[in-house]
Amino acid sequence: MTLQPAEVALSADLPLPVTVLGLGWVGAAMVARLLDQAAPLEINVRVPSPRHLGAWLDLADAAVLRRGHRLLLNDEAAWRRAAVVFHCAGAANPTGVSRHSVAEHNLALTGEVFAGAGFAAPPWVIVIANPVDLVAGLLTRLPGLDPARVIGTGTYLDTIRMQREIAAALNRAPAEVEAWVLGEHGEAQVPVWSRIRVAGLPATDLLDAAARDGLARLTREAAWRIRGTQPGTWWGVTACAAEIFAALRGGPLLRRPLGLPIAGAWAERLGHAGLVLSLPAEVDAAGCRLIQDFRLEPGEEAALRAAAAVLAGAEASTLGRAGSHQGTEVRSIP
């Protein structure tokens, strides 16, 4: 049995075309979030496996009640005209095992899916698939895509997890906490305690070193705690992707860590120009850009340089093999 193009919930309006790659737990959650958007969308789900047909039919039922949207399945024309692609496809790493364990498979899959896509214009690509830093890095080098339009969710998710943990520890509302976690979405993440504020006060004035270390550990291990009672994590990260999407569509300015190529002053500070790493960024209708003037304590900057080195090493060991999968051309870092 194969999945064929299909469509429900047609609208007479002209909706913005988007494509969601993958329909596992993350992809399905992303589609659900898009169906709840107020502005009309053409949502194309691209998934080759018939084992996801049930999930698509379930979402198609929901789409009947969202009359401003169109929901499509494996529509090639919609894929080529996509203005935004949400990359949710790929294998999940086993519980307790590094996200890098699925790097070669998911990078090869990414190269295969995007090879020869023939987009009418380079779309925005919001990357959720893991290892998100490496997958986003590959996409910045693939022909037919604009590196400036590739955004990894990166440590945005780790930042809101840290925000939640600090708020709980201090019995405050999460909205009172301004948190920043940079670096890798993984073990090499870097909590930036010098920039974290609680109701405007430095977190370092409210939490001692032992408490901060404990909160950093809880943030790093958040995925394993979630996966103790469910097969993966999908609500938090798709909320991050939805916020990025809303900002690109003209919503409020978003200032969060995002996975972007190292450039400008950050390249001078960290080296590894062109490597995708989670750094402070702004997103609005004008696009996505790094916040270049962002001071760190010396120890934080050293930890961020170490995180960049970790990712550069992982990229060197996997990206070339995955990028050459089925002859996919990969641009080198300038």
Protein backbone atom coordinates (compact mmCIF):
# COMPACT_ATOMS: atom_id res chain seq x y z
CA MET A 1 0.00 0.00 0.00
CA THR A 2 1.36 3.43 -0.90
CA LEU A 3 0.33 6.90 0.21
CA GLN A 4 -1.24 8.91 -2.58
CA PRO A 5 -1.76 12.69 -2.80
CA ALA A 6 -5.00 13.71 -1.13
CA GLU A 7 -6.69 16.87 0.08
CA VAL A 8 -9.37 17.95 2.58
CA ALA A 9 -10.81 21.17 4.01
CA LEU A 10 -10.51 23.24 0.85
CA SER A 11 -10.73 27.02 1.14
CA ALA A 12 -11.53 29.64 -1.45
CA ASP A 13 -8.77 31.85 -0.02
CA LEU A 14 -5.16 31.66 -1.14
CA PRO A 15 -3.34 30.11 1.86
CA LEU A 16 0.40 30.21 2.53
CA PRO A 17 1.96 26.93 1.30
CA VAL A 18 3.93 24.99 3.91
CA THR A 19 5.22 21.41 3.99
CA VAL A 20 5.76 19.19 7.03
CA LEU A 21 8.34 16.46 6.48
CA GLY A 22 7.59 13.34 8.50
CA LEU A 23 4.48 12.26 10.36
CA GLY A 24 5.77 10.57 13.47
CA TRP A 25 4.96 12.04 16.87
CA VAL A 26 6.78 15.30 16.11
CA GLY A 27 5.43 15.73 12.60
CA ALA A 28 1.86 15.02 13.72
CA ALA A 29 2.17 17.53 16.56
CA MET A 30 3.52 20.11 14.10
CA VAL A 31 0.56 19.59 11.77
CA ALA A 32 -1.83 19.94 14.72
CA ARG A 33 -0.22 23.24 15.70
CA LEU A 34 -0.47 24.53 12.12
CA LEU A 35 -4.13 23.56 11.94
CA ASP A 36 -4.71 25.79 14.97
CA GLN A 37 -3.16 28.83 13.23
CA ALA A 38 -5.64 31.60 12.50
CA ALA A 39 -4.27 32.65 9.10
CA PRO A 40 -5.06 30.22 6.25
CA LEU A 41 -2.42 27.66 5.32
CA GLU A 42 -1.91 25.03 2.68
CA ILE A 43 -0.35 22.23 4.75
CA ASN A 44 1.32 19.53 2.68
CA VAL A 45 2.47 16.46 4.59
CA ARG A 46 5.35 14.66 2.90
CA VAL A 47 5.85 11.11 4.13
CA PRO A 48 6.66 8.00 2.07
CA SER A 49 5.63 5.26 4.46
CA PRO A 50 2.08 3.85 4.49
CA ARG A 51 2.43 3.16 8.22
CA HIS A 52 1.61 6.84 8.81
CA LEU A 53 -1.66 6.75 6.87
CA GLY A 54 -3.71 6.42 10.06
CA ALA A 55 -2.07 9.52 11.56
CA TRP A 56 -2.78 11.49 8.41
CA LEU A 57 -6.43 10.40 8.30
CA ASP A 58 -6.81 11.34 11.97
CA LEU A 59 -5.42 14.82 11.23
CA ALA A 60 -7.59 15.04 8.11
CA ASP A 61 -10.64 14.61 10.35
CA ALA A 62 -9.44 17.51 12.50
CA ALA A 63 -8.80 19.60 9.37
CA VAL A 64 -12.48 19.38 8.42
CA LEU A 65 -13.15 21.68 11.39
CA ARG A 66 -10.41 24.13 10.33
CA ARG A 67 -12.04 25.52 7.22
CA GLY A 68 -9.42 28.15 6.44
CA HIS A 69 -6.75 25.52 5.80
CA ARG A 70 -6.02 22.99 3.08
CA LEU A 71 -4.45 19.69 4.13
CA LEU A 72 -2.55 17.80 1.45
CA LEU A 73 -0.66 14.51 1.39
CA ASN A 74 2.46 13.94 -0.72
CA ASP A 75 1.54 16.65 -3.20
CA GLU A 76 4.59 17.27 -5.39
CA ALA A 77 3.43 20.65 -6.69
CA ALA A 78 2.77 21.83 -3.12
CA TRP A 79 6.26 20.61 -2.11
CA ARG A 80 7.87 22.67 -4.87
CA ARG A 81 5.93 25.84 -4.02
CA ALA A 82 6.41 25.58 -0.24
CA ALA A 83 7.26 28.88 1.42
CA VAL A 84 8.14 27.15 4.70
CA VAL A 85 9.28 23.57 5.35
CA PHE A 86 9.15 22.04 8.83
CA HIS A 87 11.73 19.24 8.87
CA CYS A 88 10.48 16.66 11.40
CA ALA A 89 11.58 13.48 9.60
CA GLY A 90 14.12 10.95 10.80
CA ALA A 91 14.92 8.20 13.25
CA ALA A 92 14.72 8.86 16.98
CA ASN A 93 17.74 8.14 19.16
CA PRO A 94 17.21 5.40 21.77
CA THR A 95 16.47 6.61 25.29
CA GLY A 96 19.68 7.44 27.11
CA VAL A 97 21.76 7.46 23.91
CA SER A 98 23.19 10.58 22.27
CA ARG A 99 21.27 12.24 19.44
CA HIS A 100 24.47 11.80 17.42
CA SER A 101 23.74 8.06 17.28
CA VAL A 102 21.21 8.71 14.50
CA ALA A 103 23.26 11.40 12.77
CA GLU A 104 24.41 9.46 9.73
CA HIS A 105 20.95 8.03 9.04
CA ASN A 106 19.10 11.33 9.45
CA LEU A 107 21.67 13.34 7.50
CA ALA A 108 21.47 10.85 4.64
CA LEU A 109 17.69 11.03 4.73
CA THR A 110 17.82 14.83 4.67
CA GLY A 111 20.13 14.85 1.67
CA GLU A 112 17.89 12.40 -0.15
CA VAL A 113 14.65 14.29 0.55
CA PHE A 114 15.99 17.69 -0.48
CA ALA A 115 18.05 16.53 -3.46
CA GLY A 116 16.53 17.87 -6.64
CA ALA A 117 13.52 19.31 -4.80
CA GLY A 118 13.17 21.98 -7.48
CA PHE A 119 11.66 24.62 -5.22
CA ALA A 120 10.10 27.57 -7.03
CA ALA A 121 12.06 29.75 -4.59
CA PRO A 122 14.22 28.80 -1.60
CA PRO A 123 11.82 28.19 1.30
CA TRP A 124 12.37 28.88 4.95
CA VAL A 125 13.35 25.56 6.55
CA ILE A 126 12.64 25.20 10.27
CA VAL A 127 14.61 22.18 11.47
CA ILE A 128 13.41 19.97 14.32
CA ALA A 129 14.91 16.62 13.23
CA ASN A 130 17.85 15.43 15.34
CA PRO A 131 20.71 15.94 15.68
CA VAL A 132 19.22 19.33 14.89
CA ASP A 133 22.52 21.24 14.72
CA LEU A 134 24.04 18.84 12.20
CA VAL A 135 20.87 18.49 10.13
CA ALA A 136 20.54 22.28 9.89
CA GLY A 137 24.23 22.47 9.00
CA LEU A 138 23.76 20.09 6.10
CA LEU A 139 20.78 22.07 4.81
CA THR A 140 22.81 25.29 4.73
CA ARG A 141 25.10 23.57 2.22
CA LEU A 142 22.60 21.92 -0.10
CA PRO A 143 21.98 23.44 -3.56
CA GLY A 144 18.58 25.02 -4.01
CA LEU A 145 18.38 26.26 -0.43
CA ASP A 146 19.38 29.65 1.00
CA PRO A 147 21.61 29.25 4.10
CA ALA A 148 20.08 32.44 5.51
CA ARG A 149 16.66 30.76 5.45
CA VAL A 150 17.59 27.65 7.45
CA ILE A 151 16.74 27.84 11.17
CA GLY A 152 17.43 25.07 13.65
CA THR A 153 15.29 24.99 16.79
CA GLY A 154 18.56 24.14 18.57
CA THR A 155 18.75 25.19 22.20
CA TYR A 156 15.53 27.19 22.07
CA LEU A 157 13.95 24.07 23.60
CA ASP A 158 16.71 23.77 26.22
CA THR A 159 16.20 27.45 27.05
CA ILE A 160 12.50 27.07 27.79
CA ARG A 161 13.28 23.94 29.79
CA MET A 162 15.76 25.95 31.85
CA GLN A 163 13.16 28.70 32.19
CA ARG A 164 10.68 26.18 33.57
CA GLU A 165 13.18 24.62 35.98
CA ILE A 166 14.32 27.98 37.39
CA ALA A 167 10.74 29.13 37.84
CA ALA A 168 9.88 25.93 39.71
CA ALA A 169 12.97 26.16 41.91
CA LEU A 170 12.17 29.74 42.92
CA ASN A 171 8.37 29.41 42.97
CA ARG A 172 8.01 32.04 40.27
CA ALA A 173 6.04 32.17 37.04
CA PRO A 174 8.05 31.07 33.97
CA ALA A 175 7.22 34.42 32.34
CA GLU A 176 9.32 36.12 35.05
CA VAL A 177 12.43 34.21 33.94
CA GLU A 178 14.65 35.28 31.05
CA ALA A 179 16.86 32.29 30.28
CA TRP A 180 19.60 31.64 27.74
CA VAL A 181 21.13 28.28 26.87
CA LEU A 182 23.54 28.32 23.91
CA GLY A 183 25.71 25.79 22.08
CA GLU A 184 24.54 22.31 21.18
CA HIS A 185 21.09 20.84 21.65
CA GLY A 186 22.66 18.03 23.62
CA GLU A 187 25.46 17.42 26.08
CA ALA A 188 27.49 20.44 24.94
CA GLN A 189 24.80 22.98 25.80
CA VAL A 190 25.97 26.06 27.70
CA PRO A 191 23.71 27.75 30.29
CA VAL A 192 24.56 31.46 30.23
CA TRP A 193 24.04 32.28 33.89
CA SER A 194 25.47 35.78 33.49
CA ARG A 195 22.48 36.66 31.25
CA ILE A 196 19.70 34.82 33.10
CA ARG A 197 17.30 37.06 35.00
CA VAL A 198 14.38 36.41 37.35
CA ALA A 199 11.98 39.33 37.64
CA GLY A 200 14.86 41.50 36.44
CA LEU A 201 17.31 40.22 39.07
CA PRO A 202 20.45 38.20 38.20
CA ALA A 203 19.79 34.51 38.74
CA THR A 204 23.26 34.24 40.28
CA ASP A 205 22.00 36.43 43.16
CA LEU A 206 19.15 33.99 43.83
CA LEU A 207 20.76 30.59 43.20
CA ASP A 208 24.07 29.33 44.55
CA ALA A 209 26.54 27.36 42.43
CA ALA A 210 25.21 23.98 43.57
CA ALA A 211 21.64 24.96 42.71
CA ARG A 212 22.72 26.24 39.31
CA ASP A 213 24.59 23.02 38.57
CA GLY A 214 21.52 21.01 39.52
CA LEU A 215 19.26 23.07 37.28
CA ALA A 216 21.70 22.72 34.39
CA ARG A 217 21.68 18.94 34.87
CA LEU A 218 17.87 18.84 34.96
CA THR A 219 17.80 20.83 31.72
CA ARG A 220 20.29 18.51 29.98
CA GLU A 221 18.38 15.42 31.12
CA ALA A 222 14.87 16.77 30.48
CA ALA A 223 14.34 14.62 27.38
CA TRP A 224 15.17 11.43 29.27
CA ARG A 225 12.69 12.28 32.03
CA ILE A 226 9.98 12.97 29.45
CA ARG A 227 10.78 9.76 27.63
CA GLY A 228 10.45 7.81 30.84
CA THR A 229 6.68 7.82 30.32
CA GLN A 230 6.20 8.53 26.60
CA PRO A 231 8.10 7.51 23.45
CA GLY A 232 9.53 10.92 22.62
CA THR A 233 9.29 14.68 23.01
CA TRP A 234 7.12 16.68 20.65
CA TRP A 235 4.97 19.34 22.29
CA GLY A 236 7.77 21.61 23.52
CA VAL A 237 9.84 21.58 20.35
CA THR A 238 6.86 22.08 18.05
CA ALA A 239 5.80 25.04 20.22
CA CYS A 240 9.26 26.50 19.57
CA ALA A 241 8.89 25.93 15.82
CA ALA A 242 5.43 27.54 15.87
CA GLU A 243 6.85 30.62 17.61
CA ILE A 244 9.56 30.94 14.96
CA PHE A 245 6.94 30.60 12.24
CA ALA A 246 4.70 33.22 13.86
CA ALA A 247 7.59 35.70 14.05
CA LEU A 248 8.46 35.16 10.39
CA ARG A 249 4.82 35.83 9.49
CA GLY A 250 4.89 39.21 11.22
CA GLY A 251 4.14 38.32 14.82
CA PRO A 252 6.00 39.79 17.80
CA LEU A 253 9.79 40.01 17.61
CA LEU A 254 11.31 36.75 18.84
CA ARG A 255 14.64 36.85 20.72
CA ARG A 256 15.83 33.34 21.51
CA PRO A 257 18.80 31.04 20.89
CA LEU A 258 18.50 29.44 17.46
CA GLY A 259 20.67 27.16 15.36
CA LEU A 260 22.26 29.42 12.73
CA PRO A 261 25.61 29.51 10.90
CA ILE A 262 28.34 31.18 12.95
CA ALA A 263 29.08 34.53 11.31
CA GLY A 264 30.21 38.08 11.96
CA ALA A 265 31.58 38.88 15.41
CA TRP A 266 30.65 35.40 16.60
CA ALA A 267 33.00 33.87 14.02
CA GLU A 268 35.81 36.07 15.33
CA ARG A 269 35.04 34.99 18.90
CA LEU A 270 34.42 31.28 18.36
CA GLY A 271 35.99 30.38 15.02
CA HIS A 272 34.27 27.71 12.90
CA ALA A 273 32.59 30.21 10.55
CA GLY A 274 29.57 28.63 8.84
CA LEU A 275 29.10 25.91 11.46
CA VAL A 276 25.52 25.80 12.76
CA LEU A 277 25.46 26.46 16.51
CA SER A 278 22.74 27.82 18.78
CA LEU A 279 23.44 31.50 19.37
CA PRO A 280 21.31 34.49 20.37
CA ALA A 281 19.07 35.48 17.48
CA GLU A 282 16.18 37.69 16.48
CA VAL A 283 13.31 36.71 14.17
CA ASP A 284 10.66 38.93 12.62
CA ALA A 285 9.02 39.49 9.25
CA ALA A 286 12.34 40.83 7.93
CA GLY A 287 14.04 37.48 8.57
CA CYS A 288 16.34 35.83 11.08
CA ARG A 289 19.68 37.20 12.26
CA LEU A 290 22.27 36.66 14.96
CA ILE A 291 22.47 39.11 17.84
CA GLN A 292 26.14 40.02 17.53
CA ASP A 293 26.53 42.21 20.62
CA PHE A 294 25.95 39.62 23.33
CA ARG A 295 28.49 39.61 26.15
CA LEU A 296 29.48 36.44 27.96
CA GLU A 297 31.66 35.73 30.96
CA PRO A 298 35.08 34.27 30.00
CA GLY A 299 34.13 30.81 31.28
CA GLU A 300 30.89 30.86 29.31
CA GLU A 301 32.66 31.90 26.15
CA ALA A 302 35.25 29.15 26.62
CA ALA A 303 32.46 26.59 27.08
CA LEU A 304 30.77 27.86 23.92
CA ARG A 305 34.01 27.52 21.97
CA ALA A 306 34.30 23.96 23.27
CA ALA A 307 30.71 23.25 22.15
CA ALA A 308 31.54 24.55 18.68
CA ALA A 309 34.58 22.27 18.57
CA VAL A 310 32.42 19.27 19.56
CA LEU A 311 29.95 19.98 16.77
CA ALA A 312 32.70 20.64 14.24
CA GLY A 313 34.20 17.26 15.05
CA ALA A 314 30.84 15.51 14.78
CA GLU A 315 30.14 17.27 11.50
CA ALA A 316 33.51 16.28 10.05
CA SER A 317 32.89 12.63 10.91
CA THR A 318 29.35 12.39 9.49
CA LEU A 319 28.41 15.23 7.15
CA GLY A 320 30.57 14.27 4.21
CA ARG A 321 29.31 10.67 4.18
CA ALA A 322 25.68 11.75 4.51
CA GLY A 323 25.98 14.56 1.98
CA SER A 324 27.36 12.20 -0.63
CA HIS A 325 24.42 9.82 -0.11
CA GLN A 326 23.05 8.98 -3.54
CA GLY A 327 25.31 11.61 -5.09
CA THR A 328 23.89 14.64 -3.28
CA GLU A 329 26.16 17.63 -3.79
CA VAL A 330 27.20 19.45 -0.62
CA ARG A 331 28.69 22.94 -0.60
CA SER A 332 31.79 23.30 1.54
CA ILE A 333 32.07 25.83 4.35
CA PRO A 334 33.74 28.96 2.95
